Amino acid sequence: MDIVLKDVEHRYQPNTPFEKLALYDLNLDIPSGQFVAIIGHTGSGKSTIIQHLNALLKPTSGTITIGNRVIEAKRKEKDLKSIRKKVGIVFQFPEHQLFEETVEKDICFGPMNFGVTEAEAKKKANEMIKHVGLSEDILQRSPFDLSGGQMRRVAIAGILAMEPKVLVLDEPTAGLDPRGREEIMEMIASLHQSKRLTIILVTHSMEDAARFADQIVVMHKGTIAMRGTPKEVFSSYEELHQYGLDIPESLKFMKKIEENLGVHFSEPAVTFEEAVLQLQNLLAKDEGS
C-alpha cells in the first residue's frame, strides 16, 4: 500500500494567536514494502508527519493518499477507522498505552474494536506474541509485571493483531538498554521481511537508520531537507551537521582511518559490517603489494 504526501502543510491552532506552522511544502512518496527512516532534530516535524499517516491529524492544505484513500484539507472524512486498521502507529513509550489485566486481553482489544470475535482475537494474540519473540505463557500474565522491553513487544503485538499494511514506529527503542534496543530493531527488521510490511521508523539513532532503512528522510524546521539512501544521505555529513544531526559511528571511524593513514575509501561505510569489509580489503591490498 503506497503512501503519497503532496504539498502537505499543517498548522496547529490555525486562526488563533497560538497558530504554529508545523509542516510545509511536504512532498513524499513511500512505496509499499519499503523501510523508511525519518530523522531530524527535536521539533523538526517528525511526529507531526506520522500522525497524518493514519488521519490522527489532517493537513491544513495539500493531500495525503493512503492506498486508495485520498485525504484532502478542509474536507470532512468518513470511515477513518478503516485507515487506522491499515496503518498502525506505535507511539514512543507504547507500554504506557497498556491497560488490560492480562497481555492476551491487551492484544485482543484492538482486533475486537474492529469487529473481530473474541475467539478470533485470541487466536491472533497467540500468533502475534510469537511474531514479537515472546512465548505463549506470557499471555496470561499482567503486562505490568513484564520488563520494559517485553512491554514494548506486547504493545507492538497489539498493533500487529489488527493486521496493518503499514507499521509506523516513533522511537521504538527509547529508554531501553543496548541489548533491548538491538533486540527490538532486529524484531522490526524481521517483521518487515516476513510480513512484507511497510515500515516507517522515526529515530534519533543514525546507526539504526543506516543499518535498516531503504530510504532516509531528513526533516528540518517542518519540511524535508534531504532524502535518499543511507549512503547518499550520510555522504553529506557537513550538510547533516547544519541540521543538528550526526553521522553513524562506523563512518566517523572510517574517516579517522582515512585521515591518519592517508587512504581513501571509494564509498562511505554506513554500518560497522561495511567498515570491517573495507578494512579487510585494505589489508589484503597491503599484503599483496
Protein backbone atom coordinates (compact mmCIF):
# COMPACT_ATOMS: atom_id res chain seq x y z
CA MET A 1 0.00 0.00 0.00
CA ASP A 2 1.67 3.17 -1.24
CA ILE A 3 1.55 6.42 0.71
CA VAL A 4 1.93 9.77 -1.07
CA LEU A 5 2.05 13.19 0.60
CA LYS A 6 1.63 16.08 -1.83
CA ASP A 7 2.15 19.74 -0.93
CA VAL A 8 1.20 18.99 2.67
CA GLU A 9 1.03 21.79 5.20
CA HIS A 10 -0.12 21.56 8.79
CA ARG A 11 -0.82 24.38 11.21
CA TYR A 12 -1.66 23.84 14.84
CA GLN A 13 -4.47 26.04 16.20
CA PRO A 14 -4.98 27.96 12.92
CA ASN A 15 -6.59 31.39 13.01
CA THR A 16 -5.75 31.87 16.67
CA PRO A 17 -2.97 33.82 18.42
CA PHE A 18 -1.33 30.43 19.08
CA GLU A 19 -1.12 29.38 15.43
CA LYS A 20 2.03 27.42 14.65
CA LEU A 21 3.29 26.19 11.28
CA ALA A 22 4.44 22.60 11.89
CA LEU A 23 4.77 21.26 8.34
CA TYR A 24 5.03 22.95 4.95
CA ASP A 25 5.83 22.13 1.32
CA LEU A 26 5.97 18.44 2.21
CA ASN A 27 6.18 16.01 -0.72
CA LEU A 28 6.98 12.38 -0.01
CA ASP A 29 6.38 9.02 -1.70
CA ILE A 30 6.58 5.84 0.38
CA PRO A 31 6.28 2.76 -1.86
CA SER A 32 4.62 -0.35 -0.50
CA GLY A 33 7.02 -2.63 1.37
CA GLN A 34 9.75 -0.01 1.85
CA PHE A 35 11.61 0.61 5.12
CA VAL A 36 11.78 4.38 5.63
CA ALA A 37 13.64 6.13 8.46
CA ILE A 38 12.66 9.69 9.37
CA ILE A 39 15.36 11.58 11.21
CA GLY A 40 15.65 15.16 12.38
CA HIS A 41 16.35 17.41 15.32
CA THR A 42 13.72 17.75 18.07
CA GLY A 43 10.87 19.93 16.78
CA SER A 44 11.61 19.26 13.11
CA GLY A 45 8.13 17.85 12.43
CA LYS A 46 8.77 14.09 12.60
CA SER A 47 5.95 13.26 15.00
CA THR A 48 3.53 15.57 13.19
CA ILE A 49 4.16 13.70 9.92
CA ILE A 50 3.38 10.28 11.34
CA GLN A 51 0.10 11.46 12.86
CA HIS A 52 -1.00 12.33 9.31
CA LEU A 53 -0.33 8.80 8.09
CA ASN A 54 -3.47 7.37 9.65
CA ALA A 55 -5.51 10.59 9.82
CA LEU A 56 -4.99 11.34 13.51
CA LEU A 57 -4.14 14.77 12.09
CA LYS A 58 -5.40 16.20 8.80
CA PRO A 59 -3.42 18.58 6.59
CA THR A 60 -4.45 22.22 6.55
CA SER A 61 -3.53 22.18 2.86
CA GLY A 62 -2.41 19.52 0.40
CA THR A 63 -3.40 15.86 0.06
CA ILE A 64 -2.36 12.54 1.56
CA THR A 65 -3.03 9.36 -0.41
CA ILE A 66 -3.06 6.17 1.66
CA GLY A 67 -3.66 3.21 -0.62
CA ASN A 68 -6.88 4.09 -2.44
CA ARG A 69 -7.96 6.75 0.04
CA VAL A 70 -7.25 10.44 -0.52
CA ILE A 71 -7.38 12.76 2.48
CA GLU A 72 -7.78 16.40 1.50
CA ALA A 73 -7.52 19.53 3.56
CA LYS A 74 -10.84 21.10 4.60
CA ARG A 75 -12.87 18.07 3.50
CA LYS A 76 -14.82 16.07 6.06
CA GLU A 77 -13.58 12.50 6.01
CA LYS A 78 -15.70 9.43 6.75
CA ASP A 79 -14.70 5.93 7.86
CA LEU A 80 -11.30 6.88 9.24
CA LYS A 81 -11.40 3.62 11.18
CA SER A 82 -10.54 1.67 8.03
CA ILE A 83 -7.41 3.79 7.53
CA ARG A 84 -6.32 3.23 11.12
CA LYS A 85 -6.67 -0.51 10.66
CA LYS A 86 -4.31 -0.40 7.66
CA VAL A 87 -1.79 1.98 9.22
CA GLY A 88 -0.78 1.05 12.76
CA ILE A 89 1.16 3.57 14.83
CA VAL A 90 3.31 2.55 17.79
CA PHE A 91 3.98 5.75 19.69
CA GLN A 92 7.02 6.48 21.83
CA PHE A 93 6.89 4.50 25.10
CA PRO A 94 3.94 2.38 23.86
CA GLU A 95 3.93 0.44 27.13
CA HIS A 96 2.17 3.47 28.62
CA GLN A 97 -0.82 2.51 26.44
CA LEU A 98 -1.17 -0.93 28.07
CA PHE A 99 -4.14 -1.09 30.42
CA GLU A 100 -5.75 -4.55 30.49
CA GLU A 101 -5.28 -7.10 33.28
CA THR A 102 -3.59 -9.66 31.03
CA VAL A 103 -1.34 -9.50 27.98
CA GLU A 104 -3.87 -11.51 26.00
CA LYS A 105 -6.70 -9.05 26.71
CA ASP A 106 -4.48 -6.12 25.77
CA ILE A 107 -3.57 -7.64 22.40
CA CYS A 108 -7.20 -8.65 21.76
CA PHE A 109 -8.55 -5.15 22.43
CA GLY A 110 -7.64 -3.68 19.02
CA PRO A 111 -8.98 -6.50 16.81
CA MET A 112 -12.21 -6.76 18.83
CA ASN A 113 -12.66 -2.99 18.49
CA PHE A 114 -12.63 -3.56 14.72
CA GLY A 115 -15.32 -6.25 14.93
CA VAL A 116 -13.26 -9.44 15.28
CA THR A 117 -14.81 -12.13 17.52
CA GLU A 118 -13.19 -12.88 20.87
CA ALA A 119 -12.16 -16.35 19.71
CA GLU A 120 -10.50 -14.98 16.57
CA ALA A 121 -8.84 -12.18 18.56
CA LYS A 122 -7.34 -14.73 20.97
CA LYS A 123 -6.04 -16.70 18.00
CA LYS A 124 -4.40 -13.54 16.67
CA ALA A 125 -2.92 -12.79 20.11
CA ASN A 126 -1.40 -16.27 20.20
CA GLU A 127 0.10 -15.78 16.75
CA MET A 128 1.37 -12.23 17.23
CA ILE A 129 3.03 -12.87 20.58
CA LYS A 130 5.31 -15.31 18.73
CA HIS A 131 5.98 -12.78 15.96
CA VAL A 132 7.38 -10.36 18.54
CA GLY A 133 9.61 -13.03 20.07
CA LEU A 134 7.70 -13.81 23.27
CA SER A 135 6.34 -17.17 24.47
CA GLU A 136 2.65 -18.08 24.74
CA ASP A 137 2.78 -18.42 28.53
CA ILE A 138 3.21 -14.66 28.81
CA LEU A 139 -0.36 -14.14 27.51
CA GLN A 140 -1.93 -14.79 30.92
CA ARG A 141 0.46 -12.55 32.81
CA SER A 142 -0.18 -8.95 33.70
CA PRO A 143 1.58 -6.61 31.25
CA PHE A 144 2.74 -4.58 34.24
CA ASP A 145 4.80 -7.48 35.57
CA LEU A 146 6.96 -7.52 32.42
CA SER A 147 10.27 -5.82 31.67
CA GLY A 148 10.30 -2.59 29.64
CA GLY A 149 11.42 -4.41 26.52
CA GLN A 150 8.75 -7.10 26.93
CA MET A 151 6.04 -4.46 27.47
CA ARG A 152 7.12 -2.75 24.27
CA ARG A 153 6.89 -6.03 22.36
CA VAL A 154 3.38 -6.60 23.73
CA ALA A 155 2.32 -3.13 22.59
CA ILE A 156 3.69 -3.85 19.11
CA ALA A 157 1.88 -7.22 19.09
CA GLY A 158 -1.35 -5.37 19.84
CA ILE A 159 -0.88 -3.24 16.72
CA LEU A 160 0.13 -6.24 14.59
CA ALA A 161 -3.01 -8.10 15.67
CA MET A 162 -5.05 -5.59 13.65
CA GLU A 163 -3.12 -6.78 10.57
CA PRO A 164 -1.92 -3.39 9.30
CA LYS A 165 -0.26 -2.95 5.92
CA VAL A 166 1.95 -0.18 7.32
CA LEU A 167 3.69 -0.11 10.71
CA VAL A 168 4.78 3.30 11.96
CA LEU A 169 7.14 3.39 14.96
CA ASP A 170 8.05 6.53 16.88
CA GLU A 171 11.38 5.99 18.67
CA PRO A 172 10.65 2.31 19.46
CA THR A 173 13.97 1.81 21.30
CA ALA A 174 13.80 4.92 23.51
CA GLY A 175 14.79 4.23 27.10
CA LEU A 176 15.95 0.66 26.50
CA ASP A 177 19.40 -0.71 27.30
CA PRO A 178 21.73 -1.59 24.38
CA ARG A 179 20.65 -5.23 24.32
CA GLY A 180 16.97 -4.26 24.40
CA ARG A 181 17.47 -1.75 21.58
CA GLU A 182 19.22 -4.35 19.44
CA GLU A 183 16.50 -6.95 20.06
CA ILE A 184 13.67 -4.55 19.22
CA MET A 185 15.32 -3.39 15.97
CA GLU A 186 16.09 -6.96 14.89
CA MET A 187 12.47 -7.85 15.57
CA ILE A 188 11.23 -4.91 13.47
CA ALA A 189 13.55 -5.88 10.61
CA SER A 190 12.27 -9.46 10.81
CA LEU A 191 8.64 -8.27 10.65
CA HIS A 192 9.50 -6.16 7.63
CA GLN A 193 10.85 -9.22 5.84
CA SER A 194 8.44 -11.92 6.99
CA LYS A 195 5.17 -9.97 6.78
CA ARG A 196 6.25 -7.63 3.95
CA LEU A 197 5.13 -4.63 5.97
CA THR A 198 5.90 -1.07 5.03
CA ILE A 199 7.94 0.22 7.98
CA ILE A 200 8.20 3.92 8.82
CA LEU A 201 10.66 4.48 11.64
CA VAL A 202 11.16 7.77 13.46
CA THR A 203 14.53 7.57 15.19
CA HIS A 204 17.36 9.55 16.70
CA SER A 205 19.74 6.64 16.07
CA MET A 206 21.83 7.23 12.98
CA GLU A 207 23.09 3.65 13.30
CA ASP A 208 19.56 2.20 13.08
CA ALA A 209 18.68 4.46 10.15
CA ALA A 210 21.86 3.44 8.30
CA ARG A 211 21.55 -0.25 9.04
CA PHE A 212 17.88 -0.92 8.36
CA ALA A 213 16.37 1.76 6.10
CA ASP A 214 15.97 1.66 2.32
CA GLN A 215 15.29 5.40 2.33
CA ILE A 216 16.12 8.13 4.85
CA VAL A 217 14.09 11.32 5.12
CA VAL A 218 15.76 14.22 6.92
CA MET A 219 13.36 16.74 8.48
CA HIS A 220 14.34 20.29 9.35
CA LYS A 221 12.04 23.02 10.65
CA GLY A 222 8.89 21.43 9.27
CA THR A 223 9.96 20.32 5.82
CA ILE A 224 12.13 17.75 4.08
CA ALA A 225 15.73 18.92 3.93
CA MET A 226 17.29 15.76 2.46
CA ARG A 227 16.15 12.40 1.18
CA GLY A 228 17.93 9.37 -0.24
CA THR A 229 19.56 6.04 0.52
CA PRO A 230 21.67 5.78 3.70
CA LYS A 231 24.86 6.13 1.65
CA GLU A 232 23.53 9.21 -0.18
CA VAL A 233 22.35 10.94 2.99
CA PHE A 234 25.33 10.16 5.21
CA SER A 235 27.81 11.11 2.50
CA SER A 236 26.61 14.69 3.01
CA TYR A 237 27.87 14.84 6.58
CA GLU A 238 28.62 18.58 6.51
CA GLU A 239 25.04 19.31 5.47
CA LEU A 240 23.73 16.99 8.18
CA HIS A 241 25.70 18.90 10.80
CA GLN A 242 23.90 22.08 9.69
CA TYR A 243 20.64 20.36 10.62
CA GLY A 244 21.93 19.35 14.05
CA LEU A 245 22.46 15.71 13.09
CA ASP A 246 25.45 13.41 13.29
CA ILE A 247 26.72 10.52 11.18
CA PRO A 248 26.97 6.82 12.18
CA GLU A 249 29.89 5.84 14.39
CA SER A 250 31.18 3.50 11.67
CA LEU A 251 31.52 6.41 9.26
CA LYS A 252 33.29 8.53 11.88
CA PHE A 253 35.72 5.67 12.46
CA MET A 254 36.47 5.25 8.75
CA LYS A 255 37.02 8.98 8.31
CA LYS A 256 39.63 8.81 11.10
CA ILE A 257 41.31 5.91 9.29
CA GLU A 258 41.42 7.97 6.08
CA GLU A 259 42.91 10.97 7.90
CA ASN A 260 45.52 9.00 9.86
CA LEU A 261 46.62 6.59 7.12
CA GLY A 262 46.21 8.90 4.14
CA VAL A 263 43.95 6.44 2.32
CA HIS A 264 40.63 6.99 0.57
CA PHE A 265 37.68 4.61 0.54
CA SER A 266 35.53 4.68 -2.59
CA GLU A 267 32.21 4.76 -0.74
CA PRO A 268 31.02 5.53 2.80
CA ALA A 269 30.80 2.69 5.30
CA VAL A 270 27.48 3.48 6.97
CA THR A 271 27.45 0.27 9.05
CA PHE A 272 30.18 -1.49 11.01
CA GLU A 273 29.78 -4.53 8.77
CA GLU A 274 30.69 -2.38 5.78
CA ALA A 275 33.59 -0.82 7.70
CA VAL A 276 35.01 -4.26 8.53
CA LEU A 277 34.74 -5.34 4.89
CA GLN A 278 36.52 -2.21 3.66
CA LEU A 279 39.31 -2.64 6.21
CA GLN A 280 39.74 -6.29 5.21
CA ASN A 281 40.04 -5.23 1.56
CA LEU A 282 42.60 -2.57 2.54
CA LEU A 283 44.71 -5.09 4.47
CA ALA A 284 44.50 -7.57 1.60
CA LYS A 285 45.84 -4.94 -0.80
CA ASP A 286 48.70 -4.10 1.57
CA GLU A 287 49.64 -7.76 1.86
CA GLY A 288 49.56 -8.20 -1.90
CA SER A 289 51.76 -5.17 -2.63
